[in-house]
């Protein structure tokens, strides 16, 4: 298994992943809500009600994509996004997981050089 630092990259990449994941999750939640209520607002006989189903599908894809990126930003596999099947409880589960990147990352020197290997760092919590 590759060290966390090699998989994660820089701090900037981690922040970019978290921001991107947050945007995707907000888009996902809003499209899912709109997709659920659009057919009810327009009526079931309206041909535009099908747009609600399309929005619902887009929202579900964005939900899992955002959760996968958030998992990767915390140092876990993107496959952990399957926890999103539990909806908001899956998101809460992922939120309470420890940040492996923070725990296993070696201290950063001023030159940006890592003096030790991530597996050799002792973390005091």
N, C-alpha and C. Protein backbone atom coordinates (compact mmCIF):
# COMPACT_ATOMS: atom_id res chain seq x y z
N UNK A 1 0.84 -1.17 0.00
CA UNK A 1 0.00 0.00 0.00
C UNK A 1 0.89 1.24 0.00
N UNK A 2 0.55 2.21 -0.82
CA UNK A 2 1.35 3.43 -0.93
C UNK A 2 1.18 4.28 0.32
N UNK A 3 2.24 4.97 0.71
CA UNK A 3 2.10 5.87 1.87
C UNK A 3 1.04 6.93 1.60
N UNK A 4 0.47 7.42 2.69
CA UNK A 4 -0.59 8.41 2.59
C UNK A 4 -0.13 9.65 1.83
N UNK A 5 1.09 10.09 2.09
CA UNK A 5 1.58 11.31 1.44
C UNK A 5 1.60 11.15 -0.07
N UNK A 6 2.03 10.00 -0.55
CA UNK A 6 2.08 9.79 -1.99
C UNK A 6 0.68 9.73 -2.59
N UNK A 7 -0.27 9.18 -1.87
CA UNK A 7 -1.63 9.11 -2.38
C UNK A 7 -2.32 10.46 -2.30
N UNK A 8 -2.06 11.21 -1.23
CA UNK A 8 -2.77 12.47 -1.01
C UNK A 8 -2.19 13.62 -1.80
N UNK A 9 -0.89 13.72 -1.86
CA UNK A 9 -0.28 14.87 -2.50
C UNK A 9 -0.11 16.00 -1.50
N UNK A 10 -0.34 17.20 -1.93
CA UNK A 10 -0.08 18.37 -1.10
C UNK A 10 -1.32 18.76 -0.28
N UNK A 11 -1.09 19.69 0.63
CA UNK A 11 -2.18 20.23 1.44
C UNK A 11 -3.17 20.96 0.55
N UNK A 12 -2.66 21.62 -0.47
CA UNK A 12 -3.54 22.35 -1.40
C UNK A 12 -4.48 21.39 -2.12
N UNK A 13 -3.95 20.21 -2.48
CA UNK A 13 -4.79 19.21 -3.16
C UNK A 13 -5.89 18.72 -2.21
N UNK A 14 -5.54 18.51 -0.95
CA UNK A 14 -6.52 18.07 0.04
C UNK A 14 -7.63 19.12 0.19
N UNK A 15 -7.25 20.39 0.30
CA UNK A 15 -8.24 21.45 0.44
C UNK A 15 -9.11 21.57 -0.81
N UNK A 16 -8.48 21.43 -1.98
CA UNK A 16 -9.24 21.50 -3.22
C UNK A 16 -10.24 20.35 -3.31
N UNK A 17 -9.83 19.15 -2.88
CA UNK A 17 -10.74 18.00 -2.88
C UNK A 17 -11.91 18.23 -1.93
N UNK A 18 -11.63 18.78 -0.76
CA UNK A 18 -12.70 19.02 0.21
C UNK A 18 -13.67 20.09 -0.29
N UNK A 19 -13.15 21.14 -0.92
CA UNK A 19 -14.03 22.18 -1.45
C UNK A 19 -14.89 21.64 -2.59
N UNK A 20 -14.26 20.86 -3.47
CA UNK A 20 -14.99 20.27 -4.58
C UNK A 20 -16.06 19.31 -4.08
N UNK A 21 -15.70 18.51 -3.07
CA UNK A 21 -16.67 17.57 -2.50
C UNK A 21 -17.84 18.32 -1.86
N UNK A 22 -17.55 19.40 -1.17
CA UNK A 22 -18.62 20.19 -0.55
C UNK A 22 -19.57 20.77 -1.57
N UNK A 23 -19.02 21.28 -2.66
CA UNK A 23 -19.86 21.83 -3.73
C UNK A 23 -20.73 20.74 -4.34
N UNK A 24 -20.13 19.57 -4.59
CA UNK A 24 -20.90 18.47 -5.19
C UNK A 24 -22.01 18.00 -4.25
N UNK A 25 -21.74 17.97 -2.95
CA UNK A 25 -22.76 17.52 -2.01
C UNK A 25 -23.91 18.53 -1.92
N UNK A 26 -23.60 19.81 -1.97
CA UNK A 26 -24.66 20.82 -1.95
C UNK A 26 -25.50 20.73 -3.22
N UNK A 27 -24.82 20.58 -4.36
CA UNK A 27 -25.54 20.43 -5.63
C UNK A 27 -26.40 19.16 -5.59
N UNK A 28 -25.83 18.09 -5.05
CA UNK A 28 -26.57 16.83 -4.98
C UNK A 28 -27.83 16.97 -4.14
N UNK A 29 -27.70 17.54 -2.96
CA UNK A 29 -28.87 17.67 -2.09
C UNK A 29 -29.94 18.56 -2.71
N UNK A 30 -29.51 19.66 -3.33
CA UNK A 30 -30.50 20.56 -3.92
C UNK A 30 -31.19 19.92 -5.13
N UNK A 31 -30.45 19.19 -5.97
CA UNK A 31 -31.09 18.55 -7.12
C UNK A 31 -31.98 17.38 -6.70
N UNK A 32 -31.59 16.68 -5.66
CA UNK A 32 -32.44 15.58 -5.18
C UNK A 32 -33.75 16.14 -4.65
N UNK A 33 -33.67 17.21 -3.85
CA UNK A 33 -34.90 17.81 -3.32
C UNK A 33 -35.76 18.36 -4.46
N UNK A 34 -35.14 19.06 -5.40
CA UNK A 34 -35.89 19.60 -6.53
C UNK A 34 -36.47 18.46 -7.38
N UNK A 35 -35.69 17.40 -7.57
CA UNK A 35 -36.17 16.27 -8.35
C UNK A 35 -37.34 15.55 -7.71
N UNK A 36 -37.37 15.54 -6.38
CA UNK A 36 -38.49 14.90 -5.68
C UNK A 36 -39.76 15.74 -5.72
N UNK A 37 -39.60 17.06 -5.65
CA UNK A 37 -40.78 17.91 -5.56
C UNK A 37 -41.26 18.48 -6.89
N UNK A 38 -40.44 18.45 -7.92
CA UNK A 38 -40.85 19.00 -9.21
C UNK A 38 -42.06 18.27 -9.80
N UNK A 39 -42.09 16.93 -9.81
CA UNK A 39 -43.29 16.26 -10.33
C UNK A 39 -44.55 16.59 -9.52
N UNK A 40 -44.39 16.79 -8.23
CA UNK A 40 -45.57 17.12 -7.41
C UNK A 40 -46.05 18.53 -7.69
N UNK A 41 -45.11 19.45 -7.94
CA UNK A 41 -45.49 20.82 -8.24
C UNK A 41 -46.15 20.94 -9.60
N UNK A 42 -45.63 20.22 -10.59
CA UNK A 42 -46.16 20.32 -11.95
C UNK A 42 -47.35 19.42 -12.19
N UNK A 43 -47.47 18.40 -11.40
CA UNK A 43 -48.54 17.43 -11.61
C UNK A 43 -48.00 16.23 -12.37
N UNK A 44 -48.53 15.05 -12.09
CA UNK A 44 -47.99 13.84 -12.72
C UNK A 44 -48.24 13.75 -14.23
N UNK A 45 -49.23 14.46 -14.74
CA UNK A 45 -49.55 14.37 -16.17
C UNK A 45 -48.72 15.33 -17.01
N UNK A 46 -48.01 16.24 -16.39
CA UNK A 46 -47.20 17.22 -17.11
C UNK A 46 -45.95 16.53 -17.67
N UNK A 47 -45.64 16.76 -18.97
CA UNK A 47 -44.44 16.13 -19.54
C UNK A 47 -43.14 16.63 -18.91
N UNK A 48 -43.17 17.80 -18.32
CA UNK A 48 -41.96 18.31 -17.67
C UNK A 48 -41.67 17.60 -16.34
N UNK A 49 -42.60 16.81 -15.87
CA UNK A 49 -42.38 16.07 -14.63
C UNK A 49 -41.26 15.05 -14.78
N UNK A 50 -40.99 14.65 -16.01
CA UNK A 50 -39.87 13.73 -16.26
C UNK A 50 -38.55 14.40 -15.91
N UNK A 51 -38.48 15.73 -16.01
CA UNK A 51 -37.27 16.46 -15.65
C UNK A 51 -36.93 16.25 -14.18
N UNK A 52 -37.94 16.02 -13.37
CA UNK A 52 -37.70 15.73 -11.96
C UNK A 52 -36.93 14.44 -11.77
N UNK A 53 -37.26 13.43 -12.57
CA UNK A 53 -36.53 12.17 -12.49
C UNK A 53 -35.09 12.33 -12.95
N UNK A 54 -34.89 13.14 -13.99
CA UNK A 54 -33.52 13.39 -14.47
C UNK A 54 -32.72 14.13 -13.40
N UNK A 55 -33.34 15.12 -12.77
CA UNK A 55 -32.66 15.85 -11.69
C UNK A 55 -32.34 14.93 -10.52
N UNK A 56 -33.24 14.02 -10.23
CA UNK A 56 -33.01 13.06 -9.15
C UNK A 56 -31.80 12.18 -9.47
N UNK A 57 -31.70 11.71 -10.70
CA UNK A 57 -30.57 10.88 -11.10
C UNK A 57 -29.26 11.66 -11.04
N UNK A 58 -29.27 12.91 -11.52
CA UNK A 58 -28.08 13.75 -11.46
C UNK A 58 -27.68 13.99 -10.01
N UNK A 59 -28.65 14.21 -9.15
CA UNK A 59 -28.36 14.43 -7.73
C UNK A 59 -27.74 13.22 -7.06
N UNK A 60 -28.22 12.03 -7.39
CA UNK A 60 -27.67 10.80 -6.80
C UNK A 60 -26.22 10.60 -7.26
N UNK A 61 -25.95 10.84 -8.53
CA UNK A 61 -24.58 10.70 -9.05
C UNK A 61 -23.66 11.72 -8.37
N UNK A 62 -24.12 12.96 -8.25
CA UNK A 62 -23.31 14.00 -7.60
C UNK A 62 -23.10 13.68 -6.12
N UNK A 63 -24.08 13.06 -5.48
CA UNK A 63 -23.97 12.68 -4.07
C UNK A 63 -22.84 11.69 -3.86
N UNK A 64 -22.84 10.62 -4.64
CA UNK A 64 -21.79 9.61 -4.49
C UNK A 64 -20.43 10.13 -4.93
N UNK A 65 -20.40 10.95 -5.96
CA UNK A 65 -19.14 11.54 -6.42
C UNK A 65 -18.56 12.45 -5.34
N UNK A 66 -19.39 13.27 -4.74
CA UNK A 66 -18.94 14.16 -3.68
C UNK A 66 -18.47 13.41 -2.44
N UNK A 67 -19.22 12.37 -2.06
CA UNK A 67 -18.80 11.57 -0.90
C UNK A 67 -17.49 10.86 -1.19
N UNK A 68 -17.32 10.37 -2.41
CA UNK A 68 -16.06 9.71 -2.77
C UNK A 68 -14.88 10.66 -2.69
N UNK A 69 -15.06 11.88 -3.17
CA UNK A 69 -13.98 12.87 -3.08
C UNK A 69 -13.70 13.25 -1.63
N UNK A 70 -14.72 13.34 -0.82
CA UNK A 70 -14.51 13.68 0.59
C UNK A 70 -13.76 12.55 1.30
N UNK A 71 -14.09 11.30 0.97
CA UNK A 71 -13.37 10.16 1.56
C UNK A 71 -11.90 10.19 1.16
N UNK A 72 -11.63 10.46 -0.10
CA UNK A 72 -10.25 10.53 -0.58
C UNK A 72 -9.51 11.67 0.11
N UNK A 73 -10.18 12.80 0.34
CA UNK A 73 -9.52 13.93 1.00
C UNK A 73 -9.20 13.62 2.46
N UNK A 74 -9.90 12.63 3.04
CA UNK A 74 -9.60 12.23 4.41
C UNK A 74 -8.61 11.06 4.47
N UNK A 75 -8.17 10.58 3.30
CA UNK A 75 -7.18 9.51 3.26
C UNK A 75 -7.76 8.12 3.13
N UNK A 76 -9.04 8.00 2.87
CA UNK A 76 -9.69 6.71 2.70
C UNK A 76 -9.94 6.45 1.22
N UNK A 77 -10.35 5.25 0.91
CA UNK A 77 -10.69 4.90 -0.46
C UNK A 77 -12.03 5.55 -0.83
N UNK A 78 -12.15 5.90 -2.11
CA UNK A 78 -13.41 6.47 -2.59
C UNK A 78 -14.55 5.48 -2.53
N UNK A 79 -14.24 4.20 -2.40
CA UNK A 79 -15.27 3.16 -2.32
C UNK A 79 -16.08 3.32 -1.03
N UNK A 80 -15.51 3.97 -0.04
CA UNK A 80 -16.23 4.19 1.21
C UNK A 80 -17.47 5.05 1.00
N UNK A 81 -17.57 5.69 -0.15
CA UNK A 81 -18.75 6.51 -0.47
C UNK A 81 -20.02 5.66 -0.52
N UNK A 82 -19.87 4.35 -0.57
CA UNK A 82 -21.04 3.46 -0.55
C UNK A 82 -21.83 3.68 0.75
N UNK A 83 -21.17 4.21 1.78
CA UNK A 83 -21.89 4.53 3.02
C UNK A 83 -22.97 5.57 2.77
N UNK A 84 -22.87 6.28 1.66
CA UNK A 84 -23.87 7.27 1.30
C UNK A 84 -25.23 6.67 1.00
N UNK A 85 -25.30 5.35 0.89
CA UNK A 85 -26.58 4.70 0.66
C UNK A 85 -27.50 4.93 1.86
N UNK A 86 -26.92 5.25 3.01
CA UNK A 86 -27.71 5.54 4.20
C UNK A 86 -28.11 7.02 4.27
N UNK A 87 -27.88 7.74 3.18
CA UNK A 87 -28.29 9.14 3.10
C UNK A 87 -27.47 10.03 4.01
N UNK A 88 -28.14 10.87 4.74
CA UNK A 88 -27.46 11.82 5.61
C UNK A 88 -26.71 11.11 6.73
N UNK A 89 -27.18 9.92 7.12
CA UNK A 89 -26.48 9.15 8.15
C UNK A 89 -25.14 8.63 7.61
N UNK A 90 -25.09 8.30 6.32
CA UNK A 90 -23.82 7.90 5.71
C UNK A 90 -22.84 9.05 5.68
N UNK A 91 -23.35 10.26 5.40
CA UNK A 91 -22.49 11.45 5.43
C UNK A 91 -21.97 11.68 6.84
N UNK A 92 -22.82 11.53 7.84
CA UNK A 92 -22.38 11.71 9.22
C UNK A 92 -21.35 10.66 9.62
N UNK A 93 -21.52 9.44 9.13
CA UNK A 93 -20.55 8.38 9.39
C UNK A 93 -19.18 8.76 8.83
N UNK A 94 -19.17 9.27 7.62
CA UNK A 94 -17.90 9.67 7.00
C UNK A 94 -17.31 10.89 7.71
N UNK A 95 -18.16 11.78 8.20
CA UNK A 95 -17.67 12.96 8.91
C UNK A 95 -16.96 12.60 10.21
N UNK A 96 -17.44 11.57 10.92
CA UNK A 96 -16.82 11.23 12.20
C UNK A 96 -15.57 10.37 12.06
N UNK A 97 -15.29 9.87 10.87
CA UNK A 97 -14.05 9.11 10.67
C UNK A 97 -12.86 10.03 10.86
N UNK A 98 -11.79 9.47 11.43
CA UNK A 98 -10.59 10.28 11.63
C UNK A 98 -9.94 10.60 10.29
N UNK A 99 -9.22 11.68 10.26
CA UNK A 99 -8.52 12.11 9.05
C UNK A 99 -7.17 11.40 9.02
N UNK A 100 -7.06 10.34 8.23
CA UNK A 100 -5.82 9.57 8.16
C UNK A 100 -4.66 10.41 7.66
N UNK A 101 -4.96 11.36 6.80
CA UNK A 101 -3.90 12.20 6.26
C UNK A 101 -3.25 13.01 7.37
N UNK A 102 -4.05 13.52 8.27
CA UNK A 102 -3.53 14.34 9.37
C UNK A 102 -2.77 13.48 10.38
N UNK A 103 -3.25 12.26 10.63
CA UNK A 103 -2.61 11.40 11.62
C UNK A 103 -1.29 10.81 11.14
N UNK A 104 -1.20 10.47 9.86
CA UNK A 104 -0.02 9.77 9.38
C UNK A 104 0.97 10.65 8.64
N UNK A 105 0.63 11.89 8.41
CA UNK A 105 1.53 12.76 7.65
C UNK A 105 2.70 13.19 8.53
N UNK A 106 3.90 13.15 7.99
CA UNK A 106 5.06 13.61 8.76
C UNK A 106 5.06 15.13 8.83
N UNK A 107 5.82 15.70 9.74
CA UNK A 107 5.87 17.16 9.83
C UNK A 107 6.46 17.77 8.56
N UNK A 108 5.94 18.90 8.18
CA UNK A 108 6.40 19.57 6.97
C UNK A 108 7.49 20.57 7.35
N UNK A 109 8.60 20.50 6.66
CA UNK A 109 9.71 21.43 6.89
C UNK A 109 9.46 22.69 6.07
N UNK A 110 10.20 23.74 6.36
CA UNK A 110 10.01 25.00 5.67
C UNK A 110 10.29 24.89 4.17
N UNK A 111 11.16 23.97 3.76
CA UNK A 111 11.46 23.79 2.34
C UNK A 111 10.43 22.90 1.65
N UNK A 112 9.52 22.34 2.41
CA UNK A 112 8.53 21.44 1.84
C UNK A 112 9.04 20.01 1.70
N UNK A 113 10.13 19.69 2.37
CA UNK A 113 10.71 18.34 2.31
C UNK A 113 10.21 17.56 3.51
N UNK A 114 9.88 16.31 3.28
CA UNK A 114 9.43 15.46 4.37
C UNK A 114 10.64 14.70 4.90
N UNK A 115 10.99 14.89 6.18
CA UNK A 115 12.21 14.28 6.70
C UNK A 115 12.08 12.79 6.99
N UNK A 116 10.87 12.29 7.20
CA UNK A 116 10.71 10.88 7.56
C UNK A 116 9.63 10.25 6.69
N UNK A 117 9.60 8.95 6.70
CA UNK A 117 8.57 8.21 6.00
C UNK A 117 7.29 8.23 6.84
N UNK A 118 6.11 8.28 6.20
CA UNK A 118 4.86 8.35 6.98
C UNK A 118 4.65 7.19 7.94
N UNK A 119 5.12 5.99 7.60
CA UNK A 119 4.91 4.84 8.48
C UNK A 119 5.77 4.90 9.73
N UNK A 120 6.82 5.70 9.76
CA UNK A 120 7.74 5.77 10.88
C UNK A 120 7.37 6.88 11.86
N UNK A 121 6.34 7.64 11.58
CA UNK A 121 5.99 8.77 12.43
C UNK A 121 5.09 8.28 13.57
N UNK A 122 5.44 8.64 14.76
CA UNK A 122 4.62 8.31 15.92
C UNK A 122 3.67 9.48 16.17
N UNK A 123 2.40 9.20 16.20
CA UNK A 123 1.40 10.25 16.40
C UNK A 123 0.91 10.20 17.83
N UNK A 124 0.96 11.34 18.50
CA UNK A 124 0.44 11.43 19.86
C UNK A 124 -0.88 12.15 19.78
N UNK A 125 -1.93 11.47 20.15
CA UNK A 125 -3.27 12.03 20.03
C UNK A 125 -3.73 12.50 21.38
